[in-house]
N, C-alpha and C. Protein backbone atom coordinates (compact mmCIF):
# COMPACT_ATOMS: atom_id res chain seq x y z
N MET A 1 100.73 1.91 45.80
CA MET A 1 99.61 1.98 44.89
C MET A 1 99.13 0.57 44.52
N LEU A 2 100.09 -0.31 44.32
CA LEU A 2 99.76 -1.67 43.94
C LEU A 2 99.04 -2.40 45.09
N LYS A 3 99.45 -2.13 46.36
CA LYS A 3 98.79 -2.73 47.52
C LYS A 3 97.33 -2.30 47.59
N GLY A 4 97.07 -1.04 47.35
CA GLY A 4 95.70 -0.53 47.37
C GLY A 4 94.85 -1.15 46.27
N LEU A 5 95.43 -1.31 45.10
CA LEU A 5 94.70 -1.94 43.98
C LEU A 5 94.41 -3.40 44.28
N LEU A 6 95.34 -4.12 44.89
CA LEU A 6 95.12 -5.52 45.25
C LEU A 6 94.01 -5.64 46.31
N GLU A 7 94.02 -4.73 47.27
CA GLU A 7 92.97 -4.74 48.30
C GLU A 7 91.59 -4.50 47.67
N THR A 8 91.52 -3.61 46.71
CA THR A 8 90.26 -3.35 46.01
C THR A 8 89.79 -4.59 45.25
N LEU A 9 90.68 -5.25 44.56
CA LEU A 9 90.33 -6.47 43.82
C LEU A 9 89.91 -7.59 44.78
N ARG A 10 90.57 -7.70 45.94
CA ARG A 10 90.23 -8.73 46.91
C ARG A 10 88.82 -8.48 47.48
N SER A 11 88.52 -7.23 47.77
CA SER A 11 87.20 -6.93 48.35
C SER A 11 86.08 -7.10 47.33
N MET A 12 86.39 -7.03 46.05
CA MET A 12 85.36 -7.22 45.01
C MET A 12 84.93 -8.69 44.93
N THR A 13 85.78 -9.61 45.34
CA THR A 13 85.44 -11.03 45.26
C THR A 13 84.73 -11.55 46.50
N GLU A 14 84.74 -10.76 47.60
CA GLU A 14 84.08 -11.20 48.82
C GLU A 14 82.56 -11.04 48.71
N LYS A 15 81.86 -11.85 49.49
CA LYS A 15 80.42 -11.77 49.52
C LYS A 15 79.99 -10.49 50.24
N PRO A 16 79.06 -9.72 49.69
CA PRO A 16 78.66 -8.48 50.35
C PRO A 16 77.85 -8.77 51.62
N VAL A 17 77.92 -7.85 52.59
CA VAL A 17 77.21 -8.02 53.86
C VAL A 17 75.85 -7.32 53.85
N THR A 18 75.53 -6.65 52.77
CA THR A 18 74.26 -5.94 52.67
C THR A 18 73.11 -6.94 52.55
N ILE A 19 72.03 -6.70 53.31
CA ILE A 19 70.84 -7.53 53.18
C ILE A 19 69.73 -6.69 52.57
N GLN A 20 68.83 -7.32 51.90
CA GLN A 20 67.69 -6.64 51.29
C GLN A 20 66.61 -6.52 52.35
N TYR A 21 66.63 -5.41 53.11
CA TYR A 21 65.88 -5.30 54.35
C TYR A 21 64.39 -5.59 54.30
N PRO A 22 63.58 -4.94 53.53
CA PRO A 22 62.15 -5.25 53.72
C PRO A 22 61.80 -6.70 53.41
N GLU A 23 62.49 -7.30 52.47
CA GLU A 23 62.19 -8.68 52.11
C GLU A 23 62.88 -9.67 53.04
N VAL A 24 64.11 -9.38 53.44
CA VAL A 24 64.88 -10.27 54.30
C VAL A 24 65.11 -9.54 55.62
N LYS A 25 64.60 -10.12 56.67
CA LYS A 25 64.76 -9.52 57.99
C LYS A 25 65.98 -10.12 58.68
N ARG A 26 66.76 -9.27 59.28
CA ARG A 26 67.97 -9.69 59.96
C ARG A 26 67.61 -10.33 61.30
N PRO A 27 68.13 -11.50 61.63
CA PRO A 27 67.82 -12.09 62.94
C PRO A 27 68.43 -11.27 64.06
N VAL A 28 67.71 -11.22 65.17
CA VAL A 28 68.18 -10.44 66.31
C VAL A 28 68.81 -11.36 67.35
N ARG A 29 69.54 -10.79 68.26
CA ARG A 29 70.17 -11.55 69.33
C ARG A 29 69.13 -12.02 70.33
N ALA A 30 69.48 -12.98 71.14
CA ALA A 30 68.53 -13.55 72.10
C ALA A 30 68.12 -12.53 73.16
N ARG A 31 68.98 -11.62 73.53
CA ARG A 31 68.68 -10.64 74.57
C ARG A 31 68.19 -9.31 74.00
N PHE A 32 67.83 -9.26 72.74
CA PHE A 32 67.36 -8.02 72.11
C PHE A 32 66.05 -7.57 72.75
N ARG A 33 65.89 -6.28 72.95
CA ARG A 33 64.65 -5.72 73.51
C ARG A 33 64.02 -4.80 72.48
N GLY A 34 62.84 -5.20 72.00
CA GLY A 34 62.14 -4.41 70.99
C GLY A 34 60.80 -3.93 71.49
N ARG A 35 59.80 -4.03 70.63
CA ARG A 35 58.46 -3.52 70.92
C ARG A 35 57.84 -4.23 72.13
N HIS A 36 57.12 -3.47 72.94
CA HIS A 36 56.44 -4.01 74.12
C HIS A 36 55.14 -4.69 73.72
N ILE A 37 54.75 -5.71 74.48
CA ILE A 37 53.40 -6.27 74.39
C ILE A 37 52.89 -6.53 75.81
N LEU A 38 51.58 -6.47 75.95
CA LEU A 38 50.92 -6.84 77.20
C LEU A 38 50.35 -8.23 77.01
N ARG A 39 50.75 -9.17 77.85
CA ARG A 39 50.35 -10.57 77.69
C ARG A 39 49.01 -10.84 78.36
N ARG A 40 48.42 -11.96 78.00
CA ARG A 40 47.16 -12.44 78.57
C ARG A 40 47.36 -13.84 79.14
N TYR A 41 46.43 -14.25 80.01
CA TYR A 41 46.37 -15.64 80.45
C TYR A 41 45.67 -16.47 79.38
N GLU A 42 45.71 -17.78 79.54
CA GLU A 42 45.12 -18.69 78.54
C GLU A 42 43.61 -18.50 78.42
N ASN A 43 42.96 -18.07 79.52
CA ASN A 43 41.50 -17.90 79.48
C ASN A 43 41.09 -16.55 78.89
N GLY A 44 42.06 -15.72 78.50
CA GLY A 44 41.76 -14.44 77.87
C GLY A 44 41.87 -13.25 78.78
N LEU A 45 41.97 -13.46 80.10
CA LEU A 45 42.11 -12.34 81.02
C LEU A 45 43.49 -11.71 80.88
N GLU A 46 43.55 -10.41 81.10
CA GLU A 46 44.81 -9.68 80.99
C GLU A 46 45.67 -9.97 82.22
N ARG A 47 46.98 -10.05 82.01
CA ARG A 47 47.89 -10.28 83.12
C ARG A 47 48.11 -9.02 83.94
N CYS A 48 48.00 -7.86 83.34
CA CYS A 48 48.28 -6.60 84.02
C CYS A 48 47.23 -6.35 85.09
N ILE A 49 47.69 -6.11 86.32
CA ILE A 49 46.78 -5.85 87.44
C ILE A 49 46.78 -4.38 87.85
N GLY A 50 47.40 -3.53 87.06
CA GLY A 50 47.36 -2.10 87.31
C GLY A 50 48.16 -1.65 88.50
N CYS A 51 49.21 -2.33 88.85
CA CYS A 51 49.99 -1.97 90.05
C CYS A 51 50.92 -0.78 89.79
N ALA A 52 51.24 -0.50 88.54
CA ALA A 52 52.09 0.61 88.12
C ALA A 52 53.54 0.48 88.59
N LEU A 53 53.99 -0.73 88.90
CA LEU A 53 55.40 -0.92 89.25
C LEU A 53 56.30 -0.70 88.03
N CYS A 54 55.77 -1.00 86.85
CA CYS A 54 56.54 -0.76 85.62
C CYS A 54 56.77 0.73 85.43
N ALA A 55 55.75 1.54 85.70
CA ALA A 55 55.88 2.99 85.58
C ALA A 55 56.86 3.54 86.60
N ALA A 56 56.87 2.97 87.80
CA ALA A 56 57.80 3.42 88.83
C ALA A 56 59.24 3.03 88.49
N ALA A 57 59.42 1.89 87.83
CA ALA A 57 60.76 1.41 87.50
C ALA A 57 61.33 2.08 86.26
N CYS A 58 60.50 2.68 85.44
CA CYS A 58 60.95 3.26 84.17
C CYS A 58 61.80 4.51 84.42
N PRO A 59 63.08 4.49 84.03
CA PRO A 59 63.94 5.65 84.28
C PRO A 59 63.61 6.86 83.41
N SER A 60 62.97 6.64 82.28
CA SER A 60 62.65 7.75 81.38
C SER A 60 61.21 8.23 81.54
N ASP A 61 60.47 7.66 82.50
CA ASP A 61 59.09 8.06 82.77
C ASP A 61 58.22 7.96 81.51
N ALA A 62 58.37 6.86 80.77
CA ALA A 62 57.66 6.68 79.51
C ALA A 62 56.33 5.95 79.68
N ILE A 63 56.06 5.36 80.83
CA ILE A 63 54.87 4.54 81.03
C ILE A 63 53.88 5.25 81.94
N PHE A 64 52.61 5.22 81.54
CA PHE A 64 51.53 5.78 82.35
C PHE A 64 50.49 4.69 82.57
N VAL A 65 50.15 4.42 83.83
CA VAL A 65 49.16 3.40 84.17
C VAL A 65 48.11 4.04 85.08
N GLU A 66 46.86 3.84 84.72
CA GLU A 66 45.75 4.27 85.57
C GLU A 66 44.91 3.03 85.88
N ALA A 67 44.81 2.70 87.15
CA ALA A 67 44.12 1.49 87.56
C ALA A 67 42.65 1.76 87.83
N ALA A 68 41.84 0.70 87.72
CA ALA A 68 40.41 0.75 88.05
C ALA A 68 40.06 -0.57 88.73
N GLU A 69 38.91 -0.59 89.40
CA GLU A 69 38.48 -1.78 90.14
C GLU A 69 37.79 -2.78 89.21
N ASN A 70 38.12 -4.05 89.40
CA ASN A 70 37.42 -5.14 88.72
C ASN A 70 36.13 -5.45 89.45
N THR A 71 35.12 -5.86 88.71
CA THR A 71 33.89 -6.37 89.31
C THR A 71 33.62 -7.73 88.69
N ASP A 72 32.72 -8.48 89.29
CA ASP A 72 32.39 -9.78 88.71
C ASP A 72 31.60 -9.64 87.41
N ASP A 73 30.95 -8.50 87.21
CA ASP A 73 30.22 -8.26 85.96
C ASP A 73 31.17 -7.84 84.83
N GLU A 74 32.22 -7.14 85.17
CA GLU A 74 33.23 -6.71 84.20
C GLU A 74 34.61 -7.07 84.72
N ARG A 75 35.09 -8.24 84.35
CA ARG A 75 36.37 -8.76 84.83
C ARG A 75 37.40 -8.66 83.70
N TYR A 76 38.49 -7.90 83.96
CA TYR A 76 39.56 -7.75 82.99
C TYR A 76 40.80 -8.56 83.37
N SER A 77 41.05 -8.66 84.68
CA SER A 77 42.23 -9.40 85.16
C SER A 77 41.82 -10.19 86.40
N PRO A 78 42.63 -11.15 86.84
CA PRO A 78 42.25 -11.97 87.98
C PRO A 78 42.21 -11.21 89.31
N GLY A 79 42.94 -10.12 89.43
CA GLY A 79 43.03 -9.40 90.69
C GLY A 79 41.85 -8.49 90.95
N GLU A 80 41.97 -7.68 91.99
CA GLU A 80 40.90 -6.76 92.32
C GLU A 80 40.97 -5.49 91.47
N ARG A 81 42.12 -5.25 90.82
CA ARG A 81 42.26 -4.09 89.95
C ARG A 81 42.75 -4.52 88.57
N TYR A 82 42.63 -3.60 87.63
CA TYR A 82 43.16 -3.81 86.29
C TYR A 82 43.64 -2.46 85.76
N ALA A 83 44.40 -2.47 84.70
CA ALA A 83 44.88 -1.23 84.10
C ALA A 83 43.82 -0.71 83.14
N ARG A 84 43.09 0.32 83.56
CA ARG A 84 42.09 0.93 82.68
C ARG A 84 42.78 1.68 81.55
N VAL A 85 43.85 2.40 81.89
CA VAL A 85 44.66 3.11 80.90
C VAL A 85 46.10 2.61 81.04
N TYR A 86 46.68 2.20 79.93
CA TYR A 86 48.09 1.79 79.91
C TYR A 86 48.69 2.39 78.65
N GLU A 87 49.63 3.28 78.81
CA GLU A 87 50.25 3.95 77.67
C GLU A 87 51.76 3.95 77.82
N ILE A 88 52.44 3.77 76.68
CA ILE A 88 53.89 3.86 76.63
C ILE A 88 54.25 4.87 75.56
N ASN A 89 55.00 5.88 75.94
CA ASN A 89 55.49 6.87 75.00
C ASN A 89 56.79 6.34 74.40
N MET A 90 56.71 5.88 73.16
CA MET A 90 57.87 5.24 72.54
C MET A 90 58.98 6.22 72.18
N LEU A 91 58.69 7.51 72.15
CA LEU A 91 59.75 8.49 71.94
C LEU A 91 60.63 8.62 73.18
N ARG A 92 60.07 8.37 74.33
CA ARG A 92 60.81 8.48 75.58
C ARG A 92 61.45 7.16 76.00
N CYS A 93 60.89 6.04 75.56
CA CYS A 93 61.37 4.73 75.99
C CYS A 93 62.81 4.49 75.53
N ILE A 94 63.63 3.96 76.44
CA ILE A 94 65.02 3.66 76.10
C ILE A 94 65.25 2.15 76.00
N PHE A 95 64.18 1.36 76.06
CA PHE A 95 64.24 -0.10 75.90
C PHE A 95 65.23 -0.76 76.85
N CYS A 96 65.19 -0.33 78.10
CA CYS A 96 66.12 -0.87 79.10
C CYS A 96 65.63 -2.19 79.69
N GLY A 97 64.32 -2.44 79.67
CA GLY A 97 63.78 -3.68 80.20
C GLY A 97 63.46 -3.65 81.68
N PHE A 98 63.60 -2.49 82.33
CA PHE A 98 63.28 -2.40 83.76
C PHE A 98 61.80 -2.66 84.01
N CYS A 99 60.94 -2.26 83.09
CA CYS A 99 59.50 -2.51 83.25
C CYS A 99 59.21 -4.00 83.25
N GLU A 100 59.90 -4.71 82.41
CA GLU A 100 59.74 -6.17 82.32
C GLU A 100 60.20 -6.84 83.61
N ASP A 101 61.27 -6.36 84.19
CA ASP A 101 61.80 -6.92 85.43
C ASP A 101 60.92 -6.61 86.63
N ALA A 102 60.29 -5.42 86.63
CA ALA A 102 59.49 -4.98 87.78
C ALA A 102 58.11 -5.60 87.83
N CYS A 103 57.60 -6.12 86.74
CA CYS A 103 56.22 -6.61 86.68
C CYS A 103 56.07 -7.92 87.46
N PRO A 104 55.19 -7.95 88.47
CA PRO A 104 55.02 -9.18 89.26
C PRO A 104 54.26 -10.28 88.53
N THR A 105 53.48 -9.94 87.52
CA THR A 105 52.70 -10.94 86.80
C THR A 105 53.28 -11.26 85.42
N GLU A 106 54.44 -10.70 85.10
CA GLU A 106 55.07 -10.87 83.78
C GLU A 106 54.13 -10.45 82.66
N ALA A 107 53.42 -9.34 82.88
CA ALA A 107 52.45 -8.86 81.90
C ALA A 107 53.12 -8.12 80.75
N ILE A 108 54.10 -7.29 81.06
CA ILE A 108 54.77 -6.51 80.01
C ILE A 108 56.03 -7.24 79.58
N VAL A 109 56.18 -7.43 78.26
CA VAL A 109 57.31 -8.16 77.71
C VAL A 109 57.84 -7.39 76.51
N LEU A 110 59.15 -7.30 76.41
CA LEU A 110 59.77 -6.68 75.24
C LEU A 110 60.08 -7.78 74.23
N THR A 111 59.52 -7.66 73.04
CA THR A 111 59.66 -8.69 72.02
C THR A 111 60.85 -8.39 71.11
N ASP A 112 60.99 -9.16 70.05
CA ASP A 112 62.09 -8.96 69.10
C ASP A 112 61.67 -8.14 67.88
N ASN A 113 60.53 -7.47 67.95
CA ASN A 113 60.06 -6.65 66.84
C ASN A 113 60.77 -5.29 66.90
N TYR A 114 61.54 -4.97 65.87
CA TYR A 114 62.29 -3.72 65.84
C TYR A 114 61.74 -2.74 64.82
N GLU A 115 60.62 -3.05 64.20
CA GLU A 115 60.06 -2.17 63.18
C GLU A 115 59.05 -1.22 63.82
N LEU A 116 59.54 -0.15 64.39
CA LEU A 116 58.71 0.84 65.05
C LEU A 116 58.79 2.14 64.26
N THR A 117 57.70 2.50 63.62
CA THR A 117 57.68 3.76 62.88
C THR A 117 56.40 4.51 63.19
N PHE A 118 56.50 5.82 63.18
CA PHE A 118 55.34 6.67 63.31
C PHE A 118 55.68 8.01 62.65
N THR A 119 54.65 8.67 62.17
CA THR A 119 54.87 9.90 61.42
C THR A 119 54.66 11.15 62.26
N ASP A 120 53.96 11.04 63.38
CA ASP A 120 53.82 12.20 64.26
C ASP A 120 53.86 11.73 65.71
N ARG A 121 53.90 12.69 66.62
CA ARG A 121 54.07 12.39 68.03
C ARG A 121 52.88 11.63 68.62
N HIS A 122 51.69 11.86 68.10
CA HIS A 122 50.51 11.19 68.64
C HIS A 122 50.53 9.69 68.37
N HIS A 123 51.12 9.29 67.25
CA HIS A 123 51.22 7.86 66.94
C HIS A 123 52.32 7.17 67.73
N SER A 124 53.19 7.94 68.40
CA SER A 124 54.27 7.33 69.16
C SER A 124 53.82 6.89 70.55
N ILE A 125 52.61 7.25 70.96
CA ILE A 125 52.08 6.81 72.25
C ILE A 125 51.26 5.55 72.01
N TYR A 126 51.78 4.42 72.48
CA TYR A 126 51.11 3.14 72.29
C TYR A 126 50.12 2.93 73.43
N THR A 127 48.86 2.73 73.07
CA THR A 127 47.81 2.55 74.06
C THR A 127 47.67 1.07 74.42
N LYS A 128 46.82 0.80 75.39
CA LYS A 128 46.60 -0.56 75.85
C LYS A 128 46.10 -1.46 74.72
N GLU A 129 45.22 -0.92 73.89
CA GLU A 129 44.67 -1.71 72.78
C GLU A 129 45.75 -2.07 71.77
N MET A 130 46.72 -1.19 71.58
CA MET A 130 47.82 -1.47 70.65
C MET A 130 48.82 -2.47 71.24
N LEU A 131 48.93 -2.48 72.57
CA LEU A 131 49.93 -3.32 73.23
C LEU A 131 49.43 -4.72 73.56
N LEU A 132 48.12 -4.89 73.77
CA LEU A 132 47.58 -6.19 74.17
C LEU A 132 47.75 -7.22 73.06
N GLU A 133 48.19 -8.41 73.44
CA GLU A 133 48.27 -9.48 72.46
C GLU A 133 46.86 -10.01 72.19
N PRO A 134 46.64 -10.65 71.06
CA PRO A 134 45.30 -11.18 70.75
C PRO A 134 44.85 -12.23 71.76
N VAL A 135 43.55 -12.42 71.85
CA VAL A 135 42.99 -13.42 72.76
C VAL A 135 43.44 -14.80 72.28
N PRO A 136 43.99 -15.63 73.19
CA PRO A 136 44.46 -16.95 72.77
C PRO A 136 43.30 -17.87 72.36
N GLU A 137 43.65 -18.90 71.64
CA GLU A 137 42.67 -19.89 71.19
C GLU A 137 41.98 -20.51 72.40
N GLY A 138 40.68 -20.49 72.42
CA GLY A 138 39.92 -21.06 73.52
C GLY A 138 39.63 -20.07 74.64
N GLY A 139 40.18 -18.86 74.56
CA GLY A 139 39.94 -17.84 75.58
C GLY A 139 38.78 -16.94 75.19
N LYS A 140 38.32 -16.15 76.14
CA LYS A 140 37.24 -15.20 75.89
C LYS A 140 37.79 -13.79 75.98
N PRO A 141 37.27 -12.87 75.16
CA PRO A 141 37.76 -11.49 75.24
C PRO A 141 37.31 -10.81 76.54
N THR A 142 38.02 -9.78 76.93
CA THR A 142 37.66 -9.02 78.12
C THR A 142 36.77 -7.85 77.72
N PRO A 143 35.87 -7.39 78.56
CA PRO A 143 35.58 -7.83 79.91
C PRO A 143 34.76 -9.12 79.92
N GLN A 144 34.99 -9.94 80.95
CA GLN A 144 34.26 -11.19 81.10
C GLN A 144 33.33 -11.09 82.30
N LYS A 145 32.20 -11.77 82.23
CA LYS A 145 31.30 -11.89 83.37
C LYS A 145 31.60 -13.22 84.04
N VAL A 146 31.94 -13.17 85.34
CA VAL A 146 32.32 -14.38 86.07
C VAL A 146 31.45 -14.53 87.31
N GLU A 147 31.47 -15.73 87.85
CA GLU A 147 30.74 -16.00 89.09
C GLU A 147 31.43 -15.30 90.25
N PRO A 148 30.68 -14.82 91.24
CA PRO A 148 31.30 -14.14 92.39
C PRO A 148 32.23 -15.09 93.15
N GLY A 149 33.39 -14.57 93.54
CA GLY A 149 34.34 -15.33 94.35
C GLY A 149 35.28 -16.23 93.59
N VAL A 150 35.22 -16.24 92.26
CA VAL A 150 36.10 -17.12 91.48
C VAL A 150 37.53 -16.60 91.51
N TYR A 151 37.70 -15.30 91.32
CA TYR A 151 39.03 -14.70 91.29
C TYR A 151 39.24 -13.90 92.57
N THR A 152 40.07 -14.43 93.45
CA THR A 152 40.37 -13.74 94.71
C THR A 152 41.85 -13.40 94.81
N ARG A 153 42.67 -13.84 93.86
CA ARG A 153 44.10 -13.57 93.87
C ARG A 153 44.50 -12.90 92.57
N ALA A 154 45.46 -11.97 92.67
CA ALA A 154 45.96 -11.31 91.47
C ALA A 154 46.83 -12.23 90.63
N ILE A 155 47.57 -13.10 91.30
CA ILE A 155 48.45 -14.03 90.62
C ILE A 155 47.96 -15.43 90.93
N PRO A 156 47.70 -16.25 89.90
CA PRO A 156 47.22 -17.61 90.17
C PRO A 156 48.21 -18.41 91.02
N ILE A 157 47.69 -19.35 91.77
CA ILE A 157 48.52 -20.21 92.61
C ILE A 157 49.40 -21.07 91.70
N MET A 158 50.70 -21.04 91.97
CA MET A 158 51.65 -21.78 91.15
C MET A 158 51.71 -23.23 91.61
N GLN A 159 51.88 -24.12 90.67
CA GLN A 159 52.02 -25.53 90.97
C GLN A 159 53.46 -25.82 91.38
N ASP A 160 53.64 -26.70 92.37
CA ASP A 160 54.97 -27.09 92.80
C ASP A 160 55.55 -28.02 91.73
N PRO A 161 56.72 -27.67 91.15
CA PRO A 161 57.26 -28.50 90.07
C PRO A 161 57.73 -29.88 90.53
N THR A 162 57.88 -30.09 91.82
CA THR A 162 58.35 -31.39 92.30
C THR A 162 57.22 -32.40 92.43
N ASP A 163 55.96 -31.95 92.35
CA ASP A 163 54.83 -32.89 92.45
C ASP A 163 54.68 -33.74 91.24
């Protein structure tokens, strides 16, 4: 009985591990996978080219991608196609990160945001507008009107780091 009482007194003097959640956010680990975002290039064009490799890699079939053709009058991404419809069903998503690994343009990224709430099933489907990050400083919103022949590759030519 005395051992139990001593343990109780010892635990009363220790610092509590409880955090005040809404005011104080707990830091996440470096490899944490949270809410998805669709990234953009610096000029404002979307990185997603509508290839649907993320949807094919998703084991829970939570991603739906419908591609459409880019034109020079309405340019959404550098390639010949773009994702006209991009939806993620967050009730089905298991946050495995396979979509992030499968994307050739690194368009879909899992961030460290863990505050995902919705009150009904319709709000659990994140659309392209909800997933797209804001237009960067100095960029133009999509769709953009561009000169013919400017964008002929889906992925920009990478610079050799040894130069």
